Amino acid sequence: MSELKLKQLIKTLKKMNRYLRNWNLMRVLRLALGIFIIVQGIMEQQWLLVGMGSLFSLMPLMNIGCCGVSGCNTPVRKSNKKLEDILYEEVR
């Protein structure tokens, strides 16, 4: 193997390692479920099911979900100001 091809291979492996680093169990499970849906759709010749399986497989590959990447996170409060106790007066 030439030195140039070896450098390209190392560069490609580094990119793949960087891509696969942030995978977790749920992401792998979603990909496996999507592939399973695609296979079942092909076996039953249900092309709508194949399309849905493709969508479910594409979501973990692109790391997107219903809310997008980190779309469901709430913003962190940056203020260290303490909250005051609120006094309520009961009205009858």
N, C-alpha and C. Protein backbone atom coordinates (compact mmCIF):
# COMPACT_ATOMS: atom_id res chain seq x y z
N MET A 1 0.86 -1.17 0.00
CA MET A 1 0.00 0.00 0.00
C MET A 1 0.90 1.24 0.00
N SER A 2 0.59 2.16 -0.83
CA SER A 2 1.42 3.35 -0.90
C SER A 2 1.17 4.25 0.30
N GLU A 3 2.09 5.14 0.52
CA GLU A 3 2.00 6.02 1.68
C GLU A 3 0.81 6.97 1.57
N LEU A 4 0.48 7.41 0.36
CA LEU A 4 -0.64 8.31 0.15
C LEU A 4 -1.96 7.62 0.49
N LYS A 5 -2.11 6.38 0.03
CA LYS A 5 -3.34 5.63 0.33
C LYS A 5 -3.46 5.36 1.82
N LEU A 6 -2.33 5.10 2.46
CA LEU A 6 -2.35 4.86 3.90
C LEU A 6 -2.78 6.10 4.66
N LYS A 7 -2.30 7.27 4.25
CA LYS A 7 -2.71 8.53 4.89
C LYS A 7 -4.20 8.78 4.68
N GLN A 8 -4.71 8.49 3.47
CA GLN A 8 -6.13 8.68 3.19
C GLN A 8 -6.97 7.73 4.04
N LEU A 9 -6.51 6.49 4.20
CA LEU A 9 -7.22 5.52 5.02
C LEU A 9 -7.27 5.97 6.47
N ILE A 10 -6.17 6.46 6.99
CA ILE A 10 -6.12 6.95 8.37
C ILE A 10 -7.06 8.14 8.55
N LYS A 11 -7.07 9.03 7.57
CA LYS A 11 -7.95 10.20 7.63
C LYS A 11 -9.42 9.77 7.62
N THR A 12 -9.75 8.78 6.78
CA THR A 12 -11.12 8.27 6.72
C THR A 12 -11.51 7.60 8.02
N LEU A 13 -10.61 6.82 8.61
CA LEU A 13 -10.90 6.16 9.87
C LEU A 13 -11.10 7.16 11.01
N LYS A 14 -10.35 8.25 10.99
CA LYS A 14 -10.54 9.29 12.01
C LYS A 14 -11.90 9.94 11.88
N LYS A 15 -12.33 10.20 10.62
CA LYS A 15 -13.66 10.78 10.41
C LYS A 15 -14.74 9.83 10.89
N MET A 16 -14.59 8.53 10.58
CA MET A 16 -15.59 7.56 10.99
C MET A 16 -15.64 7.42 12.50
N ASN A 17 -14.48 7.46 13.14
CA ASN A 17 -14.43 7.40 14.60
C ASN A 17 -15.12 8.60 15.22
N ARG A 18 -14.91 9.78 14.64
CA ARG A 18 -15.55 11.00 15.14
C ARG A 18 -17.07 10.91 14.96
N TYR A 19 -17.52 10.30 13.85
CA TYR A 19 -18.96 10.17 13.60
C TYR A 19 -19.59 9.15 14.54
N LEU A 20 -18.92 8.05 14.81
CA LEU A 20 -19.50 6.99 15.63
C LEU A 20 -19.32 7.22 17.12
N ARG A 21 -18.58 8.23 17.51
CA ARG A 21 -18.29 8.46 18.93
C ARG A 21 -19.55 8.81 19.73
N ASN A 22 -20.47 9.57 19.16
CA ASN A 22 -21.62 10.03 19.94
C ASN A 22 -22.86 9.16 19.74
N TRP A 23 -22.67 7.89 19.40
CA TRP A 23 -23.80 6.98 19.30
C TRP A 23 -24.09 6.39 20.68
N ASN A 24 -25.39 6.26 20.99
CA ASN A 24 -25.78 5.64 22.24
C ASN A 24 -26.71 4.47 21.94
N LEU A 25 -27.17 3.81 22.97
CA LEU A 25 -28.00 2.61 22.80
C LEU A 25 -29.31 2.92 22.07
N MET A 26 -29.95 4.03 22.41
CA MET A 26 -31.23 4.37 21.77
C MET A 26 -31.05 4.65 20.28
N ARG A 27 -29.97 5.26 19.93
CA ARG A 27 -29.72 5.58 18.52
C ARG A 27 -29.50 4.30 17.72
N VAL A 28 -28.74 3.35 18.28
CA VAL A 28 -28.52 2.06 17.61
C VAL A 28 -29.83 1.29 17.53
N LEU A 29 -30.62 1.34 18.60
CA LEU A 29 -31.90 0.63 18.62
C LEU A 29 -32.86 1.20 17.57
N ARG A 30 -32.89 2.52 17.42
CA ARG A 30 -33.75 3.13 16.39
C ARG A 30 -33.32 2.73 14.99
N LEU A 31 -32.01 2.65 14.76
CA LEU A 31 -31.51 2.23 13.45
C LEU A 31 -31.87 0.78 13.18
N ALA A 32 -31.70 -0.08 14.17
CA ALA A 32 -32.05 -1.50 14.01
C ALA A 32 -33.54 -1.67 13.75
N LEU A 33 -34.37 -0.90 14.44
CA LEU A 33 -35.81 -0.99 14.23
C LEU A 33 -36.19 -0.51 12.83
N GLY A 34 -35.55 0.55 12.36
CA GLY A 34 -35.81 1.03 11.01
C GLY A 34 -35.43 0.02 9.95
N ILE A 35 -34.28 -0.63 10.13
CA ILE A 35 -33.85 -1.66 9.17
C ILE A 35 -34.80 -2.85 9.21
N PHE A 36 -35.25 -3.21 10.40
CA PHE A 36 -36.22 -4.31 10.53
C PHE A 36 -37.52 -3.98 9.80
N ILE A 37 -37.99 -2.74 9.92
CA ILE A 37 -39.22 -2.33 9.23
C ILE A 37 -39.03 -2.37 7.73
N ILE A 38 -37.86 -1.96 7.24
CA ILE A 38 -37.59 -2.01 5.81
C ILE A 38 -37.61 -3.45 5.31
N VAL A 39 -36.96 -4.36 6.04
CA VAL A 39 -36.91 -5.77 5.63
C VAL A 39 -38.30 -6.37 5.63
N GLN A 40 -39.08 -6.10 6.64
CA GLN A 40 -40.44 -6.63 6.70
C GLN A 40 -41.31 -6.06 5.57
N GLY A 41 -41.12 -4.79 5.27
CA GLY A 41 -41.88 -4.19 4.18
C GLY A 41 -41.54 -4.79 2.83
N ILE A 42 -40.26 -5.10 2.62
CA ILE A 42 -39.86 -5.73 1.35
C ILE A 42 -40.41 -7.15 1.28
N MET A 43 -40.34 -7.88 2.38
CA MET A 43 -40.84 -9.26 2.37
C MET A 43 -42.34 -9.32 2.13
N GLU A 44 -43.08 -8.37 2.65
CA GLU A 44 -44.53 -8.34 2.49
C GLU A 44 -44.97 -7.51 1.29
N GLN A 45 -44.03 -6.91 0.59
CA GLN A 45 -44.28 -6.04 -0.56
C GLN A 45 -45.21 -4.89 -0.20
N GLN A 46 -44.98 -4.34 0.97
CA GLN A 46 -45.71 -3.17 1.44
C GLN A 46 -44.78 -1.97 1.31
N TRP A 47 -44.91 -1.24 0.22
CA TRP A 47 -43.93 -0.21 -0.10
C TRP A 47 -44.08 1.02 0.80
N LEU A 48 -45.25 1.24 1.33
CA LEU A 48 -45.41 2.32 2.29
C LEU A 48 -44.62 2.03 3.56
N LEU A 49 -44.61 0.76 3.95
CA LEU A 49 -43.84 0.35 5.12
C LEU A 49 -42.34 0.51 4.86
N VAL A 50 -41.90 0.25 3.63
CA VAL A 50 -40.49 0.44 3.28
C VAL A 50 -40.13 1.92 3.39
N GLY A 51 -41.02 2.79 2.94
CA GLY A 51 -40.78 4.22 3.05
C GLY A 51 -40.70 4.68 4.50
N MET A 52 -41.61 4.17 5.33
CA MET A 52 -41.57 4.53 6.75
C MET A 52 -40.31 4.00 7.42
N GLY A 53 -39.91 2.78 7.06
CA GLY A 53 -38.68 2.22 7.61
C GLY A 53 -37.46 3.03 7.18
N SER A 54 -37.49 3.52 5.95
CA SER A 54 -36.40 4.37 5.48
C SER A 54 -36.32 5.65 6.29
N LEU A 55 -37.48 6.22 6.56
CA LEU A 55 -37.52 7.43 7.38
C LEU A 55 -36.99 7.16 8.78
N PHE A 56 -37.42 6.04 9.37
CA PHE A 56 -36.96 5.69 10.72
C PHE A 56 -35.48 5.33 10.74
N SER A 57 -34.94 4.84 9.63
CA SER A 57 -33.51 4.54 9.57
C SER A 57 -32.69 5.80 9.32
N LEU A 58 -33.24 6.74 8.61
CA LEU A 58 -32.53 7.97 8.29
C LEU A 58 -32.39 8.86 9.53
N MET A 59 -33.38 8.83 10.40
CA MET A 59 -33.35 9.69 11.58
C MET A 59 -32.13 9.43 12.48
N PRO A 60 -31.81 8.18 12.86
CA PRO A 60 -30.61 7.99 13.68
C PRO A 60 -29.32 8.22 12.90
N LEU A 61 -29.34 7.97 11.59
CA LEU A 61 -28.13 8.20 10.80
C LEU A 61 -27.78 9.68 10.74
N MET A 62 -28.79 10.53 10.65
CA MET A 62 -28.56 11.97 10.60
C MET A 62 -28.59 12.61 11.99
N ASN A 63 -28.88 11.82 13.01
CA ASN A 63 -28.98 12.28 14.39
C ASN A 63 -30.04 13.37 14.54
N ILE A 64 -31.19 13.11 13.96
CA ILE A 64 -32.33 14.02 14.11
C ILE A 64 -33.50 13.24 14.70
N GLY A 65 -34.40 13.94 15.29
CA GLY A 65 -35.58 13.31 15.86
C GLY A 65 -36.76 14.23 15.66
N CYS A 66 -37.75 14.04 16.48
CA CYS A 66 -38.95 14.85 16.33
C CYS A 66 -38.67 16.32 16.64
N CYS A 67 -37.71 16.57 17.50
CA CYS A 67 -37.40 17.94 17.88
C CYS A 67 -36.11 18.45 17.26
N GLY A 68 -35.44 17.65 16.49
CA GLY A 68 -34.15 18.06 15.95
C GLY A 68 -33.05 17.80 16.96
N VAL A 69 -31.85 18.18 16.63
CA VAL A 69 -30.71 17.93 17.51
C VAL A 69 -30.80 18.84 18.72
N SER A 70 -30.95 18.26 19.89
CA SER A 70 -31.06 18.96 21.17
C SER A 70 -32.19 19.98 21.17
N GLY A 71 -33.24 19.71 20.42
CA GLY A 71 -34.36 20.63 20.34
C GLY A 71 -35.26 20.58 21.55
N CYS A 72 -35.22 19.50 22.30
CA CYS A 72 -36.10 19.35 23.45
C CYS A 72 -35.46 19.83 24.75
N ASN A 73 -34.23 20.27 24.69
CA ASN A 73 -33.56 20.77 25.89
C ASN A 73 -34.12 22.13 26.28
N THR A 74 -34.17 22.37 27.57
CA THR A 74 -34.60 23.68 28.05
C THR A 74 -33.36 24.52 28.32
N PRO A 75 -33.45 25.82 28.14
CA PRO A 75 -32.26 26.65 28.35
C PRO A 75 -31.87 26.68 29.83
N VAL A 76 -30.59 26.76 30.07
CA VAL A 76 -30.07 26.79 31.44
C VAL A 76 -30.06 28.23 31.90
N ARG A 77 -30.57 28.46 33.10
CA ARG A 77 -30.59 29.80 33.66
C ARG A 77 -29.18 30.20 34.03
N LYS A 78 -28.72 31.36 33.58
CA LYS A 78 -27.36 31.80 33.82
C LYS A 78 -27.25 32.74 35.01
N SER A 79 -28.35 33.09 35.58
CA SER A 79 -28.35 34.01 36.71
C SER A 79 -28.18 33.24 38.02
N ASN A 80 -27.37 33.76 38.90
CA ASN A 80 -27.19 33.17 40.22
C ASN A 80 -28.03 33.89 41.27
N LYS A 81 -28.91 34.76 40.82
CA LYS A 81 -29.73 35.54 41.73
C LYS A 81 -30.72 34.61 42.45
N LYS A 82 -30.78 34.73 43.77
CA LYS A 82 -31.66 33.89 44.55
C LYS A 82 -33.09 34.39 44.43
N LEU A 83 -34.01 33.46 44.40
CA LEU A 83 -35.42 33.82 44.34
C LEU A 83 -35.92 34.18 45.73
N GLU A 84 -36.76 35.19 45.78
CA GLU A 84 -37.32 35.61 47.06
C GLU A 84 -38.58 34.80 47.35
N ASP A 85 -38.82 34.57 48.63
CA ASP A 85 -40.05 33.89 49.01
C ASP A 85 -41.23 34.83 48.79
N ILE A 86 -42.28 34.30 48.23
CA ILE A 86 -43.47 35.10 47.97
C ILE A 86 -44.47 34.82 49.08
N LEU A 87 -44.98 35.88 49.67
CA LEU A 87 -45.98 35.75 50.73
C LEU A 87 -47.35 35.96 50.13
N TYR A 88 -48.24 35.06 50.45
CA TYR A 88 -49.61 35.14 49.96
C TYR A 88 -50.54 35.46 51.12
N GLU A 89 -51.55 36.24 50.81
CA GLU A 89 -52.54 36.58 51.81
C GLU A 89 -53.84 35.94 51.41
N GLU A 90 -54.40 35.14 52.30
CA GLU A 90 -55.63 34.41 52.00
C GLU A 90 -56.82 35.35 52.11
N VAL A 91 -57.63 35.43 51.05
CA VAL A 91 -58.80 36.29 51.03
C VAL A 91 -60.02 35.41 51.12
N ARG A 92 -60.94 35.77 52.05
CA ARG A 92 -62.16 34.97 52.21
C ARG A 92 -63.37 35.76 51.84
